[in-house]
């Protein structure tokens, strides 16, 4: 069974950027969605809390 995708908002608060920058870049390198709460962008809407298509 696959793990549920983590939300970028929570990952960044847990030092995800410092710990795994390459993985973060994979999640945001071709953004299609933006979080209307925090402004983060992602390739997949599953990785954001509240999404709007770009």
C-alpha atoms as a PDB file:
ATOM      1  CA  UNK A   1       0.000   0.000   0.000  1.00  0.00           C
ATOM      2  CA  UNK A   2       1.334   3.444  -0.934  1.00  0.00           C
ATOM      3  CA  UNK A   3       1.886   6.104   1.692  1.00  0.00           C
ATOM      4  CA  UNK A   4      -0.520   9.022   1.606  1.00  0.00           C
ATOM      5  CA  UNK A   5       1.198  12.056  -0.003  1.00  0.00           C
ATOM      6  CA  UNK A   6       2.403  14.604   2.491  1.00  0.00           C
ATOM      7  CA  UNK A   7       1.310  18.210   2.257  1.00  0.00           C
ATOM      8  CA  UNK A   8       4.146  20.619   1.448  1.00  0.00           C
ATOM      9  CA  UNK A   9       3.056  23.000   4.202  1.00  0.00           C
ATOM     10  CA  UNK A  10       3.747  20.359   6.849  1.00  0.00           C
ATOM     11  CA  UNK A  11       6.884  18.993   5.180  1.00  0.00           C
ATOM     12  CA  UNK A  12       8.564  22.403   5.050  1.00  0.00           C
ATOM     13  CA  UNK A  13       7.841  22.991   8.743  1.00  0.00           C
ATOM     14  CA  UNK A  14       9.645  19.715   9.492  1.00  0.00           C
ATOM     15  CA  UNK A  15      12.894  20.867   7.762  1.00  0.00           C
ATOM     16  CA  UNK A  16      12.083  18.911   4.596  1.00  0.00           C
ATOM     17  CA  UNK A  17      13.921  21.541   2.517  1.00  0.00           C
ATOM     18  CA  UNK A  18      17.123  21.151   4.514  1.00  0.00           C
ATOM     19  CA  UNK A  19      16.857  17.377   4.780  1.00  0.00           C
ATOM     20  CA  UNK A  20      15.788  16.460   1.229  1.00  0.00           C
ATOM     21  CA  UNK A  21      16.027  19.368  -1.204  1.00  0.00           C
ATOM     22  CA  UNK A  22      16.170  17.102  -4.279  1.00  0.00           C
ATOM     23  CA  UNK A  23      12.864  15.448  -3.360  1.00  0.00           C
ATOM     24  CA  UNK A  24      11.266  18.861  -2.764  1.00  0.00           C
ATOM     25  CA  UNK A  25      12.403  20.043  -6.198  1.00  0.00           C
ATOM     26  CA  UNK A  26      10.730  16.987  -7.777  1.00  0.00           C
ATOM     27  CA  UNK A  27       7.438  17.990  -6.138  1.00  0.00           C
ATOM     28  CA  UNK A  28       7.542  21.618  -7.335  1.00  0.00           C
ATOM     29  CA  UNK A  29       9.584  21.704 -10.567  1.00  0.00           C
ATOM     30  CA  UNK A  30       6.587  21.958 -12.949  1.00  0.00           C
ATOM     31  CA  UNK A  31       3.869  23.525 -10.819  1.00  0.00           C
ATOM     32  CA  UNK A  32       0.276  23.142 -11.923  1.00  0.00           C
ATOM     33  CA  UNK A  33      -1.368  24.107  -8.613  1.00  0.00           C
ATOM     34  CA  UNK A  34      -1.037  26.805  -5.974  1.00  0.00           C
ATOM     35  CA  UNK A  35      -2.188  26.693  -2.338  1.00  0.00           C
ATOM     36  CA  UNK A  36      -4.557  29.578  -1.709  1.00  0.00           C
ATOM     37  CA  UNK A  37      -3.661  29.523   1.996  1.00  0.00           C
ATOM     38  CA  UNK A  38       0.147  29.634   2.013  1.00  0.00           C
ATOM     39  CA  UNK A  39       1.102  30.330  -1.614  1.00  0.00           C
ATOM     40  CA  UNK A  40       3.201  27.213  -2.154  1.00  0.00           C
ATOM     41  CA  UNK A  41       3.111  25.567  -5.579  1.00  0.00           C
ATOM     42  CA  UNK A  42       3.240  21.898  -6.584  1.00  0.00           C
ATOM     43  CA  UNK A  43       3.010  19.557  -9.545  1.00  0.00           C
ATOM     44  CA  UNK A  44       0.179  17.573  -7.932  1.00  0.00           C
ATOM     45  CA  UNK A  45      -2.769  19.000  -6.005  1.00  0.00           C
ATOM     46  CA  UNK A  46      -2.440  16.146  -3.487  1.00  0.00           C
ATOM     47  CA  UNK A  47       0.650  17.872  -2.092  1.00  0.00           C
ATOM     48  CA  UNK A  48      -1.143  21.088  -1.116  1.00  0.00           C
ATOM     49  CA  UNK A  49      -3.727  21.933   1.537  1.00  0.00           C
ATOM     50  CA  UNK A  50      -6.078  24.129  -0.465  1.00  0.00           C
ATOM     51  CA  UNK A  51      -5.548  24.171  -4.219  1.00  0.00           C
ATOM     52  CA  UNK A  52      -6.274  26.318  -7.206  1.00  0.00           C
ATOM     53  CA  UNK A  53      -5.157  25.358 -10.687  1.00  0.00           C
ATOM     54  CA  UNK A  54      -2.560  27.737 -12.153  1.00  0.00           C
END
